Amino acid sequence: MSKHRETKHSHSHMWMVGILGIAAGAILMIYVPSLKAVSSVLLLLAAFHLAGALVLLASIYVMAGSKLARHLARLRGENASGFDFGWAPAWTHGPWIAALILAAAAVAVQVAWPDHWPLAMLLTLFAASFFAGGLATRSAGRYESAVLPLVQLLPGGESVVLDAGCGSGRTSIALGRAFQQGRIVALDRFDSDYIEGGGRQLLERNLSRAGLAGRVSIERGDLTALPFPDCIFDAAVCAHAVDHLGPLKEQGLREIRRVLKPGGRLLLVVWVPGWTMFSVANVLAFSLSSQSAWRRMAASAGFEVCDEGLFNGAWFAVLQRRDA
């Protein structure tokens, strides 16, 4: 296994969401109540102070990090299964903070500047979209969502499967639940800034709780330069990992193909532009690679598409290594 330097986790997503939320909360508590149309109505005045306070508290909570979130979840009796995938509060709660800010802004525009009602309507629609996005991100971090689409992936028997970009173990656990035989190799750089600590300790803990510690080997490595020889895996799964590589996405696919045995299959799960990602990331969703772009990259990397479809709002494809 190649060695990689430990990376310091800055949790940039949490700080960004937190700072923007604090600024928005301050505006809702200080500027908006100063507007004549708002200050003249006691109920509106109180409502905007309350909304601003909620945004401020939620933003501070986001900046406090995942440890506080997990502690509060334990106090509320949540996560009874004992699994913890460590998703940062900025990811799971950020869309709801945005929804509250936009809803409050819509009311402010409608009250203070009624002639601009189309803007208020647009802000309301964005708020509803972000609220739905919050539901999606919350559900995705739970054990019940640690599943994979039912596809023909393994040849059977004592297969060896690569979980490429395993994070804190959702996909590795899904593989263990779906396939009772064989061995899993879970690989990641363990430097993600939206998973507490990068995911290594959480992965080990989750695998132990799932009874999979004896079947899963953990390796540290980069998807664009896998630390394995050629043709050693019967199959591979890459869920929401290659799509984080930017211009190196195709290189990641080429590396996975290299380590697959002839005829080996890759189950690829990626976010693509669509309503689910729009509700989470808004206009940023349009910067994601489309399904057709992924098909072109897969073909260029030496794969052929055997099956494809939609799964929990994401696009999946079963790619088979193409050999001359």
Protein backbone atom coordinates (compact mmCIF):
# COMPACT_ATOMS: atom_id res chain seq x y z
CA MET A 1 0.00 0.00 0.00
CA SER A 2 1.33 3.43 -0.83
CA LYS A 3 1.80 5.88 2.00
CA HIS A 4 -0.02 9.18 2.11
CA ARG A 5 0.55 12.13 4.35
CA GLU A 6 -2.15 12.82 6.91
CA THR A 7 -4.31 15.76 5.91
CA LYS A 8 -5.57 18.37 8.32
CA HIS A 9 -9.34 18.72 8.03
CA SER A 10 -10.50 22.30 7.88
CA HIS A 11 -14.24 21.52 7.50
CA SER A 12 -14.47 24.36 5.01
CA HIS A 13 -18.08 23.53 4.17
CA MET A 14 -19.12 24.04 7.79
CA TRP A 15 -17.29 27.35 8.13
CA MET A 16 -18.66 28.66 4.84
CA VAL A 17 -22.26 27.73 5.65
CA GLY A 18 -21.86 28.97 9.21
CA ILE A 19 -20.44 32.39 8.30
CA LEU A 20 -23.03 32.99 5.57
CA GLY A 21 -25.79 31.90 7.95
CA ILE A 22 -24.59 34.23 10.73
CA ALA A 23 -24.51 37.13 8.28
CA ALA A 24 -28.02 36.31 7.04
CA GLY A 25 -29.30 35.90 10.60
CA ALA A 26 -27.91 39.30 11.56
CA ILE A 27 -29.66 40.89 8.56
CA LEU A 28 -32.97 39.28 9.54
CA MET A 29 -32.63 40.48 13.14
CA ILE A 30 -31.24 43.99 12.54
CA TYR A 31 -31.93 45.31 9.04
CA VAL A 32 -35.28 43.76 8.12
CA PRO A 33 -37.03 44.82 11.39
CA SER A 34 -35.87 48.39 10.71
CA LEU A 35 -37.99 48.54 7.55
CA LYS A 36 -41.10 50.65 8.14
CA ALA A 37 -43.48 48.08 6.68
CA VAL A 38 -42.12 45.45 9.08
CA SER A 39 -41.63 47.52 12.24
CA SER A 40 -45.21 48.78 12.06
CA VAL A 41 -46.59 45.24 12.52
CA LEU A 42 -45.73 43.71 15.88
CA LEU A 43 -46.26 40.14 14.68
CA LEU A 44 -43.90 40.63 11.72
CA LEU A 45 -41.33 42.33 13.94
CA ALA A 46 -41.33 39.38 16.34
CA ALA A 47 -41.33 36.83 13.51
CA PHE A 48 -38.22 38.28 11.87
CA HIS A 49 -36.38 38.48 15.18
CA LEU A 50 -37.28 34.84 15.79
CA ALA A 51 -36.24 33.77 12.28
CA GLY A 52 -32.94 35.63 12.61
CA ALA A 53 -32.25 34.02 15.99
CA LEU A 54 -32.98 30.56 14.60
CA VAL A 55 -30.63 31.14 11.66
CA LEU A 56 -27.90 32.41 13.98
CA LEU A 57 -28.21 29.45 16.36
CA ALA A 58 -28.35 26.93 13.51
CA SER A 59 -25.28 28.49 11.90
CA ILE A 60 -23.33 28.36 15.16
CA TYR A 61 -24.41 24.73 15.54
CA VAL A 62 -23.13 23.99 12.03
CA MET A 63 -19.77 25.60 12.80
CA ALA A 64 -19.48 23.62 16.05
CA GLY A 65 -18.97 20.46 14.01
CA SER A 66 -20.09 16.85 13.94
CA LYS A 67 -19.09 15.97 17.51
CA LEU A 68 -21.72 18.31 18.93
CA ALA A 69 -24.27 16.97 16.43
CA ARG A 70 -23.59 13.37 17.46
CA HIS A 71 -23.76 14.27 21.16
CA LEU A 72 -27.14 15.96 20.73
CA ALA A 73 -28.38 13.00 18.67
CA ARG A 74 -27.45 10.64 21.51
CA LEU A 75 -29.29 12.86 24.01
CA ARG A 76 -32.39 12.71 21.79
CA GLY A 77 -32.09 8.93 21.54
CA GLU A 78 -31.38 8.98 17.79
CA ASN A 79 -29.00 6.66 15.95
CA ALA A 80 -30.11 3.67 18.01
CA SER A 81 -28.47 1.32 15.52
CA GLY A 82 -25.07 2.62 16.63
CA PHE A 83 -23.94 3.47 13.09
CA ASP A 84 -22.41 6.88 12.56
CA PHE A 85 -21.46 8.03 9.06
CA GLY A 86 -20.17 11.35 10.34
CA TRP A 87 -21.78 13.66 7.80
CA ALA A 88 -21.03 17.25 8.77
CA PRO A 89 -23.98 19.41 9.90
CA ALA A 90 -23.23 21.84 7.06
CA TRP A 91 -24.26 19.12 4.60
CA THR A 92 -27.25 17.76 6.49
CA HIS A 93 -28.65 21.04 7.84
CA GLY A 94 -27.33 23.62 5.37
CA PRO A 95 -30.29 23.31 2.96
CA TRP A 96 -32.76 23.88 5.81
CA ILE A 97 -30.89 26.99 6.97
CA ALA A 98 -31.02 28.27 3.39
CA ALA A 99 -34.74 27.46 3.20
CA LEU A 100 -35.47 29.50 6.34
CA ILE A 101 -33.41 32.45 5.10
CA LEU A 102 -35.10 32.47 1.69
CA ALA A 103 -38.59 32.09 3.16
CA ALA A 104 -37.97 35.03 5.49
CA ALA A 105 -36.55 37.07 2.60
CA ALA A 106 -39.65 36.30 0.51
CA VAL A 107 -41.91 37.62 3.27
CA ALA A 108 -39.74 40.73 3.66
CA VAL A 109 -39.86 41.50 -0.06
CA GLN A 110 -43.62 40.95 -0.23
CA VAL A 111 -44.28 43.20 2.78
CA ALA A 112 -41.77 45.98 2.11
CA TRP A 113 -41.88 46.06 -1.68
CA PRO A 114 -45.20 44.49 -2.82
CA ASP A 115 -44.60 45.56 -6.43
CA HIS A 116 -41.73 43.06 -6.51
CA TRP A 117 -44.00 40.09 -5.83
CA PRO A 118 -42.43 37.97 -8.64
CA LEU A 119 -39.14 38.08 -6.70
CA ALA A 120 -40.98 37.05 -3.53
CA MET A 121 -42.54 34.14 -5.42
CA LEU A 122 -39.15 33.08 -6.78
CA LEU A 123 -37.60 33.19 -3.30
CA THR A 124 -40.49 31.09 -1.98
CA LEU A 125 -39.93 28.45 -4.66
CA PHE A 126 -36.21 28.32 -3.86
CA ALA A 127 -37.04 27.99 -0.16
CA ALA A 128 -39.32 25.01 -0.86
CA SER A 129 -36.62 23.46 -3.02
CA PHE A 130 -34.00 23.78 -0.29
CA PHE A 131 -36.42 22.34 2.28
CA ALA A 132 -36.80 19.25 0.09
CA GLY A 133 -33.01 19.14 -0.26
CA GLY A 134 -32.68 19.06 3.51
CA LEU A 135 -34.94 16.01 3.63
CA ALA A 136 -32.75 14.32 1.02
CA THR A 137 -29.44 15.01 2.78
CA ARG A 138 -30.78 13.97 6.17
CA SER A 139 -32.07 10.63 4.89
CA ALA A 140 -28.90 9.87 2.92
CA GLY A 141 -26.78 9.80 6.07
CA ARG A 142 -28.79 7.09 7.81
CA TYR A 143 -28.12 3.37 8.06
CA GLU A 144 -31.41 2.58 6.30
CA SER A 145 -30.01 4.30 3.20
CA ALA A 146 -26.86 2.13 3.16
CA VAL A 147 -28.15 0.13 0.19
CA LEU A 148 -27.24 -0.39 -3.45
CA PRO A 149 -29.36 -1.00 -6.57
CA LEU A 150 -30.10 -4.66 -7.31
CA VAL A 151 -27.86 -5.40 -10.29
CA GLN A 152 -25.75 -8.26 -11.61
CA LEU A 153 -22.30 -7.33 -10.34
CA LEU A 154 -20.38 -10.32 -8.98
CA PRO A 155 -19.55 -13.60 -10.71
CA GLY A 156 -20.34 -15.45 -7.46
CA GLY A 157 -18.26 -17.47 -5.04
CA GLU A 158 -15.37 -16.00 -3.12
CA SER A 159 -15.11 -12.74 -5.05
CA VAL A 160 -12.93 -9.79 -4.09
CA VAL A 161 -14.70 -6.42 -4.46
CA LEU A 162 -13.16 -2.96 -4.33
CA ASP A 163 -15.13 -0.18 -2.64
CA ALA A 164 -13.42 2.74 -4.36
CA GLY A 165 -13.90 5.86 -2.23
CA CYS A 166 -15.43 4.16 0.81
CA GLY A 167 -15.69 7.18 3.11
CA SER A 168 -17.15 6.14 6.46
CA GLY A 169 -18.48 2.83 5.15
CA ARG A 170 -22.01 3.18 3.81
CA THR A 171 -21.18 1.38 0.57
CA SER A 172 -18.99 -1.25 2.23
CA ILE A 173 -21.84 -2.05 4.60
CA ALA A 174 -24.30 -2.19 1.68
CA LEU A 175 -21.98 -4.65 -0.09
CA GLY A 176 -21.75 -6.77 3.03
CA ARG A 177 -25.54 -6.81 3.35
CA ALA A 178 -26.07 -7.73 -0.31
CA PHE A 179 -23.30 -10.31 -0.74
CA GLN A 180 -22.76 -12.76 2.09
CA GLN A 181 -19.58 -14.27 0.63
CA GLY A 182 -16.34 -12.83 -0.60
CA ARG A 183 -13.98 -10.12 0.60
CA ILE A 184 -14.23 -6.34 0.36
CA VAL A 185 -11.33 -3.93 0.06
CA ALA A 186 -12.36 -0.44 1.24
CA LEU A 187 -10.14 2.32 -0.15
CA ASP A 188 -10.17 6.05 0.50
CA ARG A 189 -7.82 8.99 1.04
CA PHE A 190 -9.74 9.68 4.26
CA ASP A 191 -9.43 13.43 3.85
CA SER A 192 -13.03 14.43 3.11
CA ASP A 193 -14.03 17.73 4.72
CA TYR A 194 -17.72 16.78 5.04
CA ILE A 195 -17.06 13.58 7.03
CA GLU A 196 -15.78 13.95 10.58
CA GLY A 197 -12.07 13.12 10.75
CA GLY A 198 -12.04 12.07 7.11
CA GLY A 199 -13.90 8.83 7.92
CA ARG A 200 -11.18 6.31 8.87
CA GLN A 201 -12.16 5.84 12.53
CA LEU A 202 -15.85 5.95 11.71
CA LEU A 203 -15.32 3.33 9.00
CA GLU A 204 -13.60 0.94 11.42
CA ARG A 205 -16.33 1.46 14.02
CA ASN A 206 -19.19 1.00 11.54
CA LEU A 207 -17.68 -2.15 10.04
CA SER A 208 -17.27 -3.62 13.51
CA ARG A 209 -20.90 -2.85 14.41
CA ALA A 210 -22.06 -4.38 11.12
CA GLY A 211 -20.06 -7.57 11.82
CA LEU A 212 -17.93 -7.00 8.71
CA ALA A 213 -14.53 -6.23 10.23
CA GLY A 214 -13.25 -9.70 9.33
CA ARG A 215 -14.36 -9.43 5.69
CA VAL A 216 -13.20 -5.90 4.91
CA SER A 217 -9.61 -4.76 4.40
CA ILE A 218 -8.99 -1.01 4.70
CA GLU A 219 -6.48 0.68 2.41
CA ARG A 220 -5.44 4.32 2.10
CA GLY A 221 -5.00 5.45 -1.48
CA ASP A 222 -5.93 7.81 -4.29
CA LEU A 223 -8.55 6.90 -6.89
CA THR A 224 -6.38 8.40 -9.62
CA ALA A 225 -3.38 6.20 -8.69
CA LEU A 226 -4.67 3.05 -7.02
CA PRO A 227 -2.05 1.21 -4.90
CA PHE A 228 -2.85 -2.19 -6.44
CA PRO A 229 -1.41 -4.31 -9.25
CA ASP A 230 -3.38 -4.94 -12.45
CA CYS A 231 -6.34 -7.31 -12.67
CA ILE A 232 -6.85 -8.34 -9.03
CA PHE A 233 -10.51 -7.46 -8.32
CA ASP A 234 -13.56 -9.39 -9.51
CA ALA A 235 -15.75 -6.30 -9.25
CA ALA A 236 -15.78 -2.75 -7.90
CA VAL A 237 -18.26 -0.22 -6.58
CA CYS A 238 -17.71 3.52 -6.64
CA ALA A 239 -20.54 5.51 -5.06
CA HIS A 240 -20.30 9.31 -4.96
CA ALA A 241 -16.51 9.36 -5.14
CA VAL A 242 -15.25 9.59 -8.75
CA ASP A 243 -17.61 12.52 -9.32
CA HIS A 244 -15.54 14.49 -6.76
CA LEU A 245 -12.38 14.29 -8.88
CA GLY A 246 -13.09 17.24 -11.17
CA PRO A 247 -11.03 16.99 -14.39
CA LEU A 248 -9.55 13.68 -13.18
CA LYS A 249 -12.84 11.76 -13.26
CA GLU A 250 -11.89 9.77 -16.37
CA GLN A 251 -8.48 9.00 -14.88
CA GLY A 252 -10.25 7.55 -11.84
CA LEU A 253 -12.35 5.33 -14.10
CA ARG A 254 -9.23 4.19 -15.96
CA GLU A 255 -7.55 3.21 -12.71
CA ILE A 256 -10.55 1.19 -11.58
CA ARG A 257 -10.63 -0.58 -14.94
CA ARG A 258 -6.91 -1.37 -14.60
CA VAL A 259 -7.34 -3.22 -11.31
CA LEU A 260 -10.42 -5.18 -12.49
CA LYS A 261 -10.00 -8.68 -13.87
CA PRO A 262 -10.94 -9.18 -17.55
CA GLY A 263 -14.72 -8.96 -17.78
CA GLY A 264 -14.93 -7.45 -14.29
CA ARG A 265 -17.75 -5.03 -13.55
CA LEU A 266 -17.95 -1.64 -11.86
CA LEU A 267 -21.13 -0.33 -10.25
CA LEU A 268 -20.85 3.44 -10.59
CA VAL A 269 -23.20 5.72 -8.61
CA VAL A 270 -22.87 9.48 -9.22
CA TRP A 271 -24.84 12.67 -8.82
CA VAL A 272 -26.08 14.16 -12.07
CA PRO A 273 -28.10 17.30 -12.84
CA GLY A 274 -31.71 16.75 -11.76
CA TRP A 275 -34.35 17.77 -9.26
CA THR A 276 -32.74 15.97 -6.33
CA MET A 277 -29.39 17.69 -6.69
CA PHE A 278 -31.07 21.00 -7.56
CA SER A 279 -32.91 20.85 -4.23
CA VAL A 280 -29.59 20.33 -2.45
CA ALA A 281 -27.18 22.54 -4.39
CA ASN A 282 -29.48 24.79 -6.42
CA VAL A 283 -27.84 26.21 -9.56
CA LEU A 284 -24.55 24.46 -8.70
CA ALA A 285 -26.30 21.23 -9.72
CA PHE A 286 -25.97 22.28 -13.35
CA SER A 287 -22.16 22.09 -13.07
CA LEU A 288 -22.34 18.32 -12.53
CA SER A 289 -21.46 15.94 -15.36
CA SER A 290 -24.52 14.65 -17.21
CA GLN A 291 -25.43 11.02 -17.84
CA SER A 292 -24.26 11.28 -21.44
CA ALA A 293 -20.94 12.76 -20.29
CA TRP A 294 -20.44 9.82 -17.92
CA ARG A 295 -21.22 7.36 -20.71
CA ARG A 296 -18.57 9.03 -22.90
CA MET A 297 -16.01 8.95 -20.09
CA ALA A 298 -16.76 5.31 -19.36
CA ALA A 299 -16.32 4.36 -23.03
CA SER A 300 -13.07 6.31 -23.26
CA ALA A 301 -11.79 4.60 -20.09
CA GLY A 302 -12.40 1.15 -21.57
CA PHE A 303 -15.85 0.22 -20.24
CA GLU A 304 -19.14 -0.70 -21.84
CA VAL A 305 -22.48 0.09 -20.17
CA CYS A 306 -24.42 -3.08 -19.29
CA ASP A 307 -27.18 -1.53 -17.23
CA GLU A 308 -28.17 1.88 -15.91
CA GLY A 309 -30.92 3.69 -14.06
CA LEU A 310 -31.80 6.10 -11.25
CA PHE A 311 -31.29 5.30 -7.59
CA ASN A 312 -32.20 7.58 -4.66
CA GLY A 313 -31.97 10.58 -6.99
CA ALA A 314 -28.55 9.56 -8.33
CA TRP A 315 -27.60 7.85 -11.60
CA PHE A 316 -26.10 4.38 -11.54
CA ALA A 317 -24.45 2.36 -14.28
CA VAL A 318 -23.05 -1.16 -14.40
CA LEU A 319 -19.85 -0.87 -16.42
CA GLN A 320 -18.04 -3.94 -17.70
CA ARG A 321 -14.34 -3.89 -18.50
CA ARG A 322 -13.94 -4.03 -22.26
CA ASP A 323 -11.02 -6.16 -23.46
CA ALA A 324 -9.77 -6.43 -27.03
